[in-house]
Protein backbone atom coordinates (compact mmCIF):
# COMPACT_ATOMS: atom_id res chain seq x y z
CA UNK A 1 44.88 -6.45 46.89
CA UNK A 2 43.19 -7.54 43.66
CA UNK A 3 42.13 -5.10 40.99
CA UNK A 4 38.62 -3.75 41.57
CA UNK A 5 36.14 -5.22 39.09
CA UNK A 6 34.43 -2.61 36.88
CA UNK A 7 30.76 -1.66 36.89
CA UNK A 8 29.77 -2.69 33.37
CA UNK A 9 26.67 -0.92 32.08
CA UNK A 10 24.46 -3.29 30.09
CA UNK A 11 22.50 -0.16 29.07
CA UNK A 12 25.03 2.36 27.80
CA UNK A 13 25.18 5.71 29.56
CA UNK A 14 25.42 7.41 26.17
CA UNK A 15 22.14 5.70 25.14
CA UNK A 16 20.46 7.11 28.26
CA UNK A 17 21.78 10.65 27.65
CA UNK A 18 18.90 11.89 25.40
CA UNK A 19 16.43 10.89 28.13
CA UNK A 20 17.91 13.40 30.59
CA UNK A 21 15.44 16.20 31.46
CA UNK A 22 16.44 19.45 29.77
CA UNK A 23 19.42 21.01 31.53
CA UNK A 24 19.61 18.21 34.14
CA UNK A 25 22.27 15.57 34.89
CA UNK A 26 19.92 12.96 36.31
CA UNK A 27 17.08 10.84 34.92
CA UNK A 28 13.66 10.13 36.33
CA UNK A 29 13.85 6.46 37.27
CA UNK A 30 10.71 4.48 38.15
CA UNK A 31 11.40 1.27 40.07
CA UNK A 32 9.01 -1.67 39.46
CA UNK A 33 10.19 -3.37 42.65
CA UNK A 34 10.07 -0.53 45.21
CA UNK A 35 7.52 1.56 43.22
CA UNK A 36 9.69 4.61 43.88
CA UNK A 37 10.32 7.46 41.45
CA UNK A 38 13.62 9.27 41.92
CA UNK A 39 16.17 11.32 40.04
CA UNK A 40 19.26 9.16 39.49
CA UNK A 41 22.53 9.57 37.64
CA UNK A 42 23.22 7.37 34.62
CA UNK A 43 26.10 5.77 36.48
CA UNK A 44 23.81 4.62 39.30
CA UNK A 45 21.61 2.25 37.29
CA UNK A 46 21.71 -0.56 34.72
CA UNK A 47 25.10 -2.06 35.49
CA UNK A 48 26.53 -5.36 36.72
CA UNK A 49 29.87 -5.65 38.45
CA UNK A 50 32.21 -7.26 35.92
CA UNK A 51 29.15 -8.07 33.80
CA UNK A 52 30.96 -7.80 30.47
CA UNK A 53 33.53 -10.47 31.30
CA UNK A 54 33.07 -13.93 29.80
CA UNK A 55 35.58 -16.41 31.20
CA UNK A 56 35.07 -18.79 28.26
CA UNK A 57 36.64 -16.30 25.83
CA UNK A 58 40.19 -16.95 26.94
CA UNK A 59 41.82 -14.75 24.29
CA UNK A 60 39.71 -11.70 25.21
CA UNK A 61 37.24 -12.16 28.12
CA UNK A 62 35.98 -8.58 27.72
CA UNK A 63 35.29 -8.82 23.98
CA UNK A 64 31.81 -7.30 24.31
CA UNK A 65 33.34 -4.05 25.60
CA UNK A 66 35.46 -3.79 22.45
CA UNK A 67 32.32 -4.30 20.36
CA UNK A 68 30.56 -1.52 22.28
CA UNK A 69 33.29 1.14 22.07
CA UNK A 70 32.68 2.29 18.44
CA UNK A 71 28.90 2.12 18.96
CA UNK A 72 29.01 4.23 22.11
CA UNK A 73 31.51 6.70 20.62
CA UNK A 74 29.12 7.42 17.74
CA UNK A 75 25.71 6.98 19.39
CA UNK A 76 24.83 10.49 20.59
CA UNK A 77 26.03 12.15 17.37
CA UNK A 78 24.09 9.52 15.44
CA UNK A 79 20.83 10.52 17.16
CA UNK A 80 21.52 14.18 16.31
CA UNK A 81 22.31 13.31 12.68
CA UNK A 82 19.19 11.15 12.50
CA UNK A 83 17.02 14.10 13.50
CA UNK A 84 18.65 16.15 10.73
CA UNK A 85 18.09 13.34 8.22
CA UNK A 86 14.40 13.06 9.10
CA UNK A 87 14.13 16.84 8.69
CA UNK A 88 15.61 16.48 5.20
CA UNK A 89 19.00 18.07 5.82
CA UNK A 90 21.19 14.91 5.71
CA UNK A 91 21.90 12.66 2.73
CA UNK A 92 20.93 9.00 2.19
CA UNK A 93 24.56 7.83 2.54
CA UNK A 94 24.68 9.30 6.05
CA UNK A 95 21.45 7.47 6.90
CA UNK A 96 22.90 4.08 5.97
CA UNK A 97 25.72 4.62 8.45
CA UNK A 98 23.18 5.58 11.14
CA UNK A 99 21.15 2.43 10.43
CA UNK A 100 24.31 0.35 10.77
CA UNK A 101 25.06 1.82 14.25
CA UNK A 102 21.48 1.22 15.41
CA UNK A 103 21.56 -2.36 14.09
CA UNK A 104 24.82 -3.02 15.92
CA UNK A 105 23.43 -1.74 19.22
CA UNK A 106 20.17 -3.66 18.84
CA UNK A 107 22.17 -6.84 18.26
CA UNK A 108 24.21 -6.20 21.41
CA UNK A 109 21.20 -5.28 23.56
CA UNK A 110 19.22 -8.44 22.78
CA UNK A 111 22.04 -10.49 24.27
CA UNK A 112 23.45 -8.09 26.92
CA UNK A 113 20.67 -7.06 29.31
CA UNK A 114 20.00 -9.29 32.34
CA UNK A 115 16.45 -9.83 31.14
CA UNK A 116 17.62 -11.06 27.73
CA UNK A 117 20.36 -13.24 29.25
CA UNK A 118 17.74 -14.88 31.42
CA UNK A 119 15.41 -15.25 28.43
CA UNK A 120 18.08 -17.08 26.42
CA UNK A 121 18.90 -19.35 29.35
CA UNK A 122 15.23 -20.21 29.91
CA UNK A 123 14.64 -20.62 26.17
CA UNK A 124 17.54 -23.07 25.92
CA UNK A 125 16.22 -25.01 28.92
CA UNK A 126 12.74 -25.10 27.39
CA UNK A 127 14.06 -26.38 24.06
CA UNK A 128 16.00 -29.13 25.84
CA UNK A 129 12.97 -30.17 27.91
CA UNK A 130 10.54 -30.08 24.99
CA UNK A 131 12.92 -31.97 22.70
CA UNK A 132 13.38 -34.65 25.36
CA UNK A 133 9.60 -35.04 25.76
CA UNK A 134 9.08 -35.37 22.01
CA UNK A 135 11.86 -37.95 21.66
CA UNK A 136 10.55 -39.93 24.64
CA UNK A 137 7.05 -39.91 23.21
CA UNK A 138 8.43 -41.21 19.90
CA UNK A 139 10.49 -43.84 21.71
CA UNK A 140 13.57 -42.34 20.08
CA UNK A 141 15.40 -40.93 23.09
CA UNK A 142 19.06 -41.95 22.67
CA UNK A 143 20.87 -43.66 25.56
CA UNK A 144 23.40 -41.57 27.46
CA UNK A 145 27.02 -42.32 26.44
CA UNK A 146 29.14 -43.81 29.24
CA UNK A 147 31.53 -40.84 28.99
CA UNK A 148 28.71 -38.51 30.06
CA UNK A 149 27.35 -40.50 32.97
CA UNK A 150 27.01 -38.28 36.03
CA UNK A 151 27.32 -35.07 33.97
CA UNK A 152 24.47 -32.58 34.26
CA UNK A 153 24.26 -31.77 30.55
CA UNK A 154 21.38 -29.34 30.95
CA UNK A 155 23.29 -27.27 33.51
CA UNK A 156 26.38 -27.35 31.27
CA UNK A 157 24.54 -26.22 28.13
CA UNK A 158 22.56 -23.47 29.90
CA UNK A 159 25.50 -22.06 31.88
CA UNK A 160 25.33 -18.26 31.48
CA UNK A 161 28.77 -17.71 29.91
CA UNK A 162 28.20 -20.58 27.47
CA UNK A 163 24.82 -19.25 26.32
CA UNK A 164 26.34 -15.77 26.01
CA UNK A 165 29.29 -17.12 24.00
CA UNK A 166 26.89 -18.68 21.48
CA UNK A 167 25.05 -15.35 21.20
CA UNK A 168 28.33 -13.47 20.66
CA UNK A 169 29.33 -15.84 17.87
CA UNK A 170 26.02 -15.07 16.19
CA UNK A 171 26.43 -11.30 16.55
CA UNK A 172 27.55 -10.58 12.94
CA UNK A 173 24.52 -12.41 11.54
CA UNK A 174 22.20 -10.61 13.97
CA UNK A 175 23.64 -7.23 12.93
CA UNK A 176 23.15 -8.15 9.27
CA UNK A 177 19.56 -9.24 9.95
CA UNK A 178 18.71 -5.90 11.56
CA UNK A 179 20.54 -3.93 8.83
CA UNK A 180 18.37 -5.64 6.21
CA UNK A 181 15.15 -5.15 8.16
CA UNK A 182 12.60 -2.42 7.57
CA UNK A 183 12.92 0.60 9.89
CA UNK A 184 10.01 2.93 10.62
CA UNK A 185 10.91 5.99 12.70
CA UNK A 186 8.15 7.37 14.90
CA UNK A 187 8.41 11.12 15.45
CA UNK A 188 6.80 12.23 18.69
CA UNK A 189 5.89 15.92 18.80
CA UNK A 190 3.46 15.56 21.68
CA UNK A 191 3.86 16.57 25.33
CA UNK A 192 4.01 12.86 26.27
CA UNK A 193 7.61 11.69 25.76
CA UNK A 194 8.69 8.18 24.90
CA UNK A 195 10.14 6.32 27.89
CA UNK A 196 12.81 3.63 27.93
CA UNK A 197 13.91 0.96 30.40
CA UNK A 198 16.60 -1.47 31.50
CA UNK A 199 15.26 -3.83 28.80
CA UNK A 200 14.37 -1.44 25.96
CA UNK A 201 14.04 -3.85 23.01
CA UNK A 202 10.34 -4.74 23.06
CA UNK A 203 8.41 -7.20 20.92
CA UNK A 204 5.09 -5.97 19.52
CA UNK A 205 4.05 -9.32 18.06
CA UNK A 206 5.04 -12.62 19.60
CA UNK A 207 8.42 -12.82 17.94
CA UNK A 208 8.17 -16.20 16.22
CA UNK A 209 11.76 -17.12 15.42
CA UNK A 210 13.38 -14.25 13.50
CA UNK A 211 10.06 -12.96 12.11
CA UNK A 212 8.93 -10.27 14.49
CA UNK A 213 8.20 -6.57 14.94
CA UNK A 214 10.37 -4.81 17.50
CA UNK A 215 9.93 -1.44 19.17
CA UNK A 216 12.99 0.43 20.43
CA UNK A 217 12.85 3.96 21.95
CA UNK A 218 15.74 6.11 20.70
CA UNK A 219 14.98 9.43 22.42
CA UNK A 220 11.92 10.96 24.15
CA UNK A 221 10.90 12.33 20.75
CA UNK A 222 11.92 9.45 18.50
CA UNK A 223 10.98 5.77 18.50
CA UNK A 224 11.80 2.95 16.10
CA UNK A 225 9.83 0.00 14.74
CA UNK A 226 11.85 -2.81 13.14
CA UNK A 227 10.24 -5.55 11.04
CA UNK A 228 12.59 -8.54 10.84
CA UNK A 229 12.47 -11.60 8.60
CA UNK A 230 9.13 -12.05 6.88
CA UNK A 231 7.34 -9.68 9.29
CA UNK A 232 6.25 -6.51 7.49
CA UNK A 233 4.08 -3.42 7.68
CA UNK A 234 3.41 -0.35 5.50
CA UNK A 235 5.46 -1.50 2.51
CA UNK A 236 9.11 -2.52 2.29
CA UNK A 237 11.01 0.80 2.32
CA UNK A 238 12.33 2.47 5.48
CA UNK A 239 10.12 5.40 6.42
CA UNK A 240 9.08 7.82 9.13
CA UNK A 241 5.74 9.00 10.41
CA UNK A 242 4.33 11.22 13.11
CA UNK A 243 3.22 9.30 16.18
CA UNK A 244 -0.16 10.01 17.77
CA UNK A 245 -0.42 10.54 21.54
CA UNK A 246 -2.48 7.35 21.73
CA UNK A 247 0.29 5.31 20.09
CA UNK A 248 2.97 6.96 22.28
CA UNK A 249 1.06 5.82 25.37
CA UNK A 250 0.60 2.29 24.02
CA UNK A 251 4.31 1.98 23.25
CA UNK A 252 5.24 3.38 26.67
CA UNK A 253 3.00 0.76 28.23
CA UNK A 254 4.82 -1.92 26.23
CA UNK A 255 8.18 -0.63 27.53
CA UNK A 256 6.92 -0.66 31.12
CA UNK A 257 5.69 -4.24 30.79
CA UNK A 258 9.00 -5.40 29.29
CA UNK A 259 11.16 -3.59 31.89
CA UNK A 260 12.96 -5.85 34.36
CA UNK A 261 13.21 -3.24 37.14
CA UNK A 262 13.78 0.32 35.90
CA UNK A 263 11.62 2.52 33.68
CA UNK A 264 13.51 5.63 32.57
CA UNK A 265 11.91 8.95 31.62
CA UNK A 266 12.71 12.60 31.02
CA UNK A 267 9.75 13.67 33.16
CA UNK A 268 8.09 12.92 36.48
CA UNK A 269 4.52 11.81 35.82
CA UNK A 270 1.68 10.53 37.99
CA UNK A 271 0.36 8.60 35.00
CA UNK A 272 3.70 6.80 34.66
CA UNK A 273 3.77 6.02 38.39
CA UNK A 274 0.32 4.44 38.09
CA UNK A 275 1.34 2.38 35.04
CA UNK A 276 4.52 1.16 36.73
CA UNK A 277 2.48 0.00 39.71
CA UNK A 278 -0.16 -1.57 37.44
CA UNK A 279 2.42 -3.57 35.49
CA UNK A 280 4.94 -4.17 38.27
CA UNK A 281 4.54 -7.95 37.95
CA UNK A 282 4.94 -8.06 34.18
CA UNK A 283 8.10 -9.02 32.32
CA UNK A 284 9.19 -9.99 28.83
CA UNK A 285 10.17 -13.59 28.27
CA UNK A 286 10.34 -16.58 25.96
CA UNK A 287 7.74 -19.29 25.56
CA UNK A 288 8.85 -22.40 23.64
CA UNK A 289 6.31 -24.39 21.69
CA UNK A 290 6.04 -26.86 18.83
CA UNK A 291 4.60 -25.53 15.58
CA UNK A 292 4.32 -28.41 13.13
CA UNK A 293 7.70 -30.17 13.09
CA UNK A 294 9.54 -27.11 14.45
CA UNK A 295 10.35 -25.94 17.97
CA UNK A 296 10.24 -22.14 18.16
CA UNK A 297 10.64 -19.48 20.82
CA UNK A 298 8.01 -16.78 21.07
CA UNK A 299 8.79 -13.58 22.97
CA UNK A 300 5.92 -11.94 24.80
CA UNK A 301 5.04 -9.81 27.81
CA UNK A 302 3.28 -11.66 30.61
CA UNK A 303 2.56 -11.46 34.32
CA UNK A 304 5.17 -13.10 36.52
């Protein structure tokens, strides 16, 4: 009998831990497909059987798991230390290490969740199609080499493991990009907690190339805005500010729209149930378009 394939969590259980209701071992999980709201254990959601294995990495098919281990080992303590830092009881040097861990996890998440994997696949397909149309229009479409006759190049290039391999190779640069980006921490002291989802990295603007503003919920009381590339807001230094109830609700709505299936919360709420039903057909995805001479991907929330 073959070895049982593991359930690989694309959303780390340690990331979900702060969203547990006080004193409980299960999360409130809102399902955009069934419109149910149930208490579920962290091990019951956000996983794919053998999802971390990439057969194209012959030397180490489960490389992504090795990348995740130090992040997951330090994540929960990092969130506790971050609270202390924002309260003024931790030093700047400790903060830089926290920012590094967050940057590493953001870089992994934008290539690991099923929603993001599908986005990259569709984005690659769109770029291929749009490039072909432009070349045809210009009368510059090159003839297919004899060696490639009968080969479905589009299927080959957009094969899931291949697209994922390209993303993994770019991981160090993505981590560096996030580490150099501006972070604004949103402290939520209201009775309305931040929620998260199975696709928690959300784009506030339309994410043109690498110049975008990202929202990422860290805990029910702490959210994060990241301005990458030339995108900016409120100066250039990392900062923190208290979040109004109105902004909390807007950001929660963004998370619900971007969620693939599961919205995760520390509370049961009729308002959340209504929002999940309202935005059940929304998702976050890529739209490819030509801007001047460039082809760019824009990430946005839209109705399916």
